[in-house]
Amino acid sequence: MPTFSTSSPDSAFIDSEAQLGAFRTLFHKVEAASLDPERSRDFIHKLAKEL
C-alpha cells in the first residue's frame, strides 16, 4: 500500500507508488527545463516587445 495519496488537477487520485513516481519524474524534468525567475521575466519582456 502506498504511503500517501494525492490528487491531480483533474481530481483523479494518484494511489500507487508507480503513478506517484511517474508524476514526480515528470515534474522534475519540467522543473529542470524551466527558466529561473529573472530569466523568465526577461524572456516575457522580450516577447512583449515583439508584439
PDB file of N, CA and C in Angstrom:
ATOM      1  N   MET A   1       0.844  -1.182   0.000  1.00  0.00           N
ATOM      2  CA  MET A   1       0.000   0.000   0.000  1.00  0.00           C
ATOM      3  C   MET A   1       0.886   1.241   0.000  1.00  0.00           C
ATOM      4  N   PRO A   2       0.553   2.262  -0.833  1.00  0.00           N
ATOM      5  CA  PRO A   2       1.342   3.490  -0.875  1.00  0.00           C
ATOM      6  C   PRO A   2       1.344   4.200   0.473  1.00  0.00           C
ATOM      7  N   THR A   3       2.372   4.981   0.708  1.00  0.00           N
ATOM      8  CA  THR A   3       2.467   5.696   1.974  1.00  0.00           C
ATOM      9  C   THR A   3       1.496   6.858   2.049  1.00  0.00           C
ATOM     10  N   PHE A   4       1.117   7.438   0.901  1.00  0.00           N
ATOM     11  CA  PHE A   4       0.126   8.503   0.885  1.00  0.00           C
ATOM     12  C   PHE A   4      -0.451   8.657  -0.505  1.00  0.00           C
ATOM     13  N   SER A   5      -1.550   9.380  -0.605  1.00  0.00           N
ATOM     14  CA  SER A   5      -2.191   9.662  -1.877  1.00  0.00           C
ATOM     15  C   SER A   5      -2.259  11.163  -2.064  1.00  0.00           C
ATOM     16  N   THR A   6      -2.346  11.587  -3.285  1.00  0.00           N
ATOM     17  CA  THR A   6      -2.518  12.997  -3.600  1.00  0.00           C
ATOM     18  C   THR A   6      -3.425  13.091  -4.812  1.00  0.00           C
ATOM     19  N   SER A   7      -3.932  14.256  -5.079  1.00  0.00           N
ATOM     20  CA  SER A   7      -4.815  14.392  -6.235  1.00  0.00           C
ATOM     21  C   SER A   7      -4.165  15.277  -7.276  1.00  0.00           C
ATOM     22  N   SER A   8      -4.479  15.013  -8.525  1.00  0.00           N
ATOM     23  CA  SER A   8      -4.008  15.826  -9.632  1.00  0.00           C
ATOM     24  C   SER A   8      -5.052  16.896  -9.924  1.00  0.00           C
ATOM     25  N   PRO A   9      -4.734  17.869 -10.798  1.00  0.00           N
ATOM     26  CA  PRO A   9      -5.680  18.955 -11.070  1.00  0.00           C
ATOM     27  C   PRO A   9      -7.062  18.496 -11.537  1.00  0.00           C
ATOM     28  N   ASP A  10      -7.162  17.359 -12.189  1.00  0.00           N
ATOM     29  CA  ASP A  10      -8.475  16.897 -12.637  1.00  0.00           C
ATOM     30  C   ASP A  10      -9.191  16.068 -11.567  1.00  0.00           C
ATOM     31  N   SER A  11      -8.696  16.089 -10.356  1.00  0.00           N
ATOM     32  CA  SER A  11      -9.282  15.427  -9.197  1.00  0.00           C
ATOM     33  C   SER A  11      -9.190  13.903  -9.233  1.00  0.00           C
ATOM     34  N   ALA A  12      -8.455  13.329 -10.157  1.00  0.00           N
ATOM     35  CA  ALA A  12      -8.228  11.887 -10.140  1.00  0.00           C
ATOM     36  C   ALA A  12      -7.145  11.611  -9.095  1.00  0.00           C
ATOM     37  N   PHE A  13      -7.332  10.578  -8.317  1.00  0.00           N
ATOM     38  CA  PHE A  13      -6.360  10.295  -7.278  1.00  0.00           C
ATOM     39  C   PHE A  13      -5.212   9.444  -7.802  1.00  0.00           C
ATOM     40  N   ILE A  14      -4.042   9.768  -7.334  1.00  0.00           N
ATOM     41  CA  ILE A  14      -2.842   9.001  -7.637  1.00  0.00           C
ATOM     42  C   ILE A  14      -2.637   8.112  -6.407  1.00  0.00           C
ATOM     43  N   ASP A  15      -2.876   6.831  -6.578  1.00  0.00           N
ATOM     44  CA  ASP A  15      -2.880   5.988  -5.396  1.00  0.00           C
ATOM     45  C   ASP A  15      -1.901   4.822  -5.450  1.00  0.00           C
ATOM     46  N   SER A  16      -0.891   4.931  -6.296  1.00  0.00           N
ATOM     47  CA  SER A  16       0.125   3.888  -6.277  1.00  0.00           C
ATOM     48  C   SER A  16       1.506   4.531  -6.333  1.00  0.00           C
ATOM     49  N   GLU A  17       2.472   3.839  -5.786  1.00  0.00           N
ATOM     50  CA  GLU A  17       3.844   4.336  -5.807  1.00  0.00           C
ATOM     51  C   GLU A  17       4.336   4.548  -7.231  1.00  0.00           C
ATOM     52  N   ALA A  18       3.952   3.669  -8.155  1.00  0.00           N
ATOM     53  CA  ALA A  18       4.381   3.787  -9.550  1.00  0.00           C
ATOM     54  C   ALA A  18       3.827   5.065 -10.186  1.00  0.00           C
ATOM     55  N   GLN A  19       2.529   5.336  -9.961  1.00  0.00           N
ATOM     56  CA  GLN A  19       1.929   6.558 -10.508  1.00  0.00           C
ATOM     57  C   GLN A  19       2.589   7.796  -9.910  1.00  0.00           C
ATOM     58  N   LEU A  20       2.762   7.798  -8.611  1.00  0.00           N
ATOM     59  CA  LEU A  20       3.373   8.929  -7.929  1.00  0.00           C
ATOM     60  C   LEU A  20       4.800   9.135  -8.421  1.00  0.00           C
ATOM     61  N   GLY A  21       5.547   8.063  -8.584  1.00  0.00           N
ATOM     62  CA  GLY A  21       6.913   8.158  -9.093  1.00  0.00           C
ATOM     63  C   GLY A  21       6.962   8.729 -10.497  1.00  0.00           C
ATOM     64  N   ALA A  22       6.018   8.322 -11.350  1.00  0.00           N
ATOM     65  CA  ALA A  22       5.966   8.829 -12.722  1.00  0.00           C
ATOM     66  C   ALA A  22       5.690  10.330 -12.734  1.00  0.00           C
ATOM     67  N   PHE A  23       4.754  10.784 -11.903  1.00  0.00           N
ATOM     68  CA  PHE A  23       4.455  12.204 -11.836  1.00  0.00           C
ATOM     69  C   PHE A  23       5.617  13.000 -11.256  1.00  0.00           C
ATOM     70  N   ARG A  24       6.301  12.449 -10.261  1.00  0.00           N
ATOM     71  CA  ARG A  24       7.466  13.143  -9.694  1.00  0.00           C
ATOM     72  C   ARG A  24       8.575  13.275 -10.734  1.00  0.00           C
ATOM     73  N   THR A  25       8.812  12.209 -11.498  1.00  0.00           N
ATOM     74  CA  THR A  25       9.832  12.248 -12.545  1.00  0.00           C
ATOM     75  C   THR A  25       9.493  13.314 -13.575  1.00  0.00           C
ATOM     76  N   LEU A  26       8.255  13.334 -14.015  1.00  0.00           N
ATOM     77  CA  LEU A  26       7.811  14.331 -14.987  1.00  0.00           C
ATOM     78  C   LEU A  26       7.957  15.739 -14.423  1.00  0.00           C
ATOM     79  N   PHE A  27       7.561  15.939 -13.178  1.00  0.00           N
ATOM     80  CA  PHE A  27       7.683  17.247 -12.544  1.00  0.00           C
ATOM     81  C   PHE A  27       9.133  17.701 -12.511  1.00  0.00           C
ATOM     82  N   HIS A  28      10.042  16.813 -12.142  1.00  0.00           N
ATOM     83  CA  HIS A  28      11.458  17.176 -12.063  1.00  0.00           C
ATOM     84  C   HIS A  28      12.029  17.531 -13.438  1.00  0.00           C
ATOM     85  N   LYS A  29      11.575  16.851 -14.490  1.00  0.00           N
ATOM     86  CA  LYS A  29      12.025  17.173 -15.843  1.00  0.00           C
ATOM     87  C   LYS A  29      11.544  18.563 -16.264  1.00  0.00           C
ATOM     88  N   VAL A  30      10.293  18.871 -15.966  1.00  0.00           N
ATOM     89  CA  VAL A  30       9.745  20.184 -16.298  1.00  0.00           C
ATOM     90  C   VAL A  30      10.464  21.262 -15.486  1.00  0.00           C
ATOM     91  N   GLU A  31      10.675  20.995 -14.230  1.00  0.00           N
ATOM     92  CA  GLU A  31      11.365  21.946 -13.356  1.00  0.00           C
ATOM     93  C   GLU A  31      12.785  22.222 -13.858  1.00  0.00           C
ATOM     94  N   ALA A  32      13.482  21.184 -14.297  1.00  0.00           N
ATOM     95  CA  ALA A  32      14.848  21.348 -14.791  1.00  0.00           C
ATOM     96  C   ALA A  32      14.902  22.144 -16.089  1.00  0.00           C
ATOM     97  N   ALA A  33      13.845  22.062 -16.897  1.00  0.00           N
ATOM     98  CA  ALA A  33      13.812  22.766 -18.179  1.00  0.00           C
ATOM     99  C   ALA A  33      13.340  24.208 -18.046  1.00  0.00           C
ATOM    100  N   SER A  34      12.800  24.577 -16.899  1.00  0.00           N
ATOM    101  CA  SER A  34      12.233  25.909 -16.732  1.00  0.00           C
ATOM    102  C   SER A  34      13.325  26.947 -16.483  1.00  0.00           C
ATOM    103  N   LEU A  35      12.986  28.187 -16.798  1.00  0.00           N
ATOM    104  CA  LEU A  35      13.893  29.301 -16.554  1.00  0.00           C
ATOM    105  C   LEU A  35      13.789  29.737 -15.103  1.00  0.00           C
ATOM    106  N   ASP A  36      14.868  30.325 -14.586  1.00  0.00           N
ATOM    107  CA  ASP A  36      14.776  30.896 -13.251  1.00  0.00           C
ATOM    108  C   ASP A  36      13.928  32.168 -13.333  1.00  0.00           C
ATOM    109  N   PRO A  37      13.470  32.709 -12.210  1.00  0.00           N
ATOM    110  CA  PRO A  37      12.565  33.863 -12.257  1.00  0.00           C
ATOM    111  C   PRO A  37      13.093  35.058 -13.058  1.00  0.00           C
ATOM    112  N   GLU A  38      14.360  35.391 -12.900  1.00  0.00           N
ATOM    113  CA  GLU A  38      14.921  36.538 -13.623  1.00  0.00           C
ATOM    114  C   GLU A  38      14.931  36.295 -15.128  1.00  0.00           C
ATOM    115  N   ARG A  39      15.390  35.136 -15.543  1.00  0.00           N
ATOM    116  CA  ARG A  39      15.421  34.827 -16.983  1.00  0.00           C
ATOM    117  C   ARG A  39      14.011  34.697 -17.553  1.00  0.00           C
ATOM    118  N   SER A  40      13.088  34.189 -16.766  1.00  0.00           N
ATOM    119  CA  SER A  40      11.705  34.091 -17.205  1.00  0.00           C
ATOM    120  C   SER A  40      11.123  35.486 -17.437  1.00  0.00           C
ATOM    121  N   ARG A  41      11.354  36.388 -16.496  1.00  0.00           N
ATOM    122  CA  ARG A  41      10.884  37.761 -16.625  1.00  0.00           C
ATOM    123  C   ARG A  41      11.470  38.429 -17.861  1.00  0.00           C
ATOM    124  N   ASP A  42      12.784  38.271 -18.068  1.00  0.00           N
ATOM    125  CA  ASP A  42      13.440  38.858 -19.232  1.00  0.00           C
ATOM    126  C   ASP A  42      12.869  38.301 -20.530  1.00  0.00           C
ATOM    127  N   PHE A  43      12.597  37.012 -20.559  1.00  0.00           N
ATOM    128  CA  PHE A  43      12.022  36.377 -21.745  1.00  0.00           C
ATOM    129  C   PHE A  43      10.626  36.935 -22.044  1.00  0.00           C
ATOM    130  N   ILE A  44       9.821  37.098 -21.003  1.00  0.00           N
ATOM    131  CA  ILE A  44       8.473  37.640 -21.180  1.00  0.00           C
ATOM    132  C   ILE A  44       8.539  39.079 -21.680  1.00  0.00           C
ATOM    133  N   HIS A  45       9.449  39.868 -21.131  1.00  0.00           N
ATOM    134  CA  HIS A  45       9.614  41.256 -21.592  1.00  0.00           C
ATOM    135  C   HIS A  45      10.018  41.287 -23.064  1.00  0.00           C
ATOM    136  N   LYS A  46      10.927  40.407 -23.436  1.00  0.00           N
ATOM    137  CA  LYS A  46      11.361  40.346 -24.838  1.00  0.00           C
ATOM    138  C   LYS A  46      10.194  39.998 -25.748  1.00  0.00           C
ATOM    139  N   LEU A  47       9.403  39.016 -25.374  1.00  0.00           N
ATOM    140  CA  LEU A  47       8.249  38.629 -26.182  1.00  0.00           C
ATOM    141  C   LEU A  47       7.232  39.769 -26.279  1.00  0.00           C
ATOM    142  N   ALA A  48       7.010  40.476 -25.181  1.00  0.00           N
ATOM    143  CA  ALA A  48       6.043  41.579 -25.184  1.00  0.00           C
ATOM    144  C   ALA A  48       6.488  42.693 -26.129  1.00  0.00           C
ATOM    145  N   LYS A  49       7.773  42.944 -26.195  1.00  0.00           N
ATOM    146  CA  LYS A  49       8.296  43.984 -27.101  1.00  0.00           C
ATOM    147  C   LYS A  49       8.111  43.586 -28.557  1.00  0.00           C
ATOM    148  N   GLU A  50       8.121  42.291 -28.821  1.00  0.00           N
ATOM    149  CA  GLU A  50       7.985  41.812 -30.200  1.00  0.00           C
ATOM    150  C   GLU A  50       6.536  41.845 -30.692  1.00  0.00           C
ATOM    151  N   LEU A  51       5.587  42.030 -29.807  1.00  0.00           N
ATOM    152  CA  LEU A  51       4.171  42.050 -30.221  1.00  0.00           C
ATOM    153  C   LEU A  51       3.782  43.356 -30.869  1.00  0.00           C
TER     154      LEU A  51
END
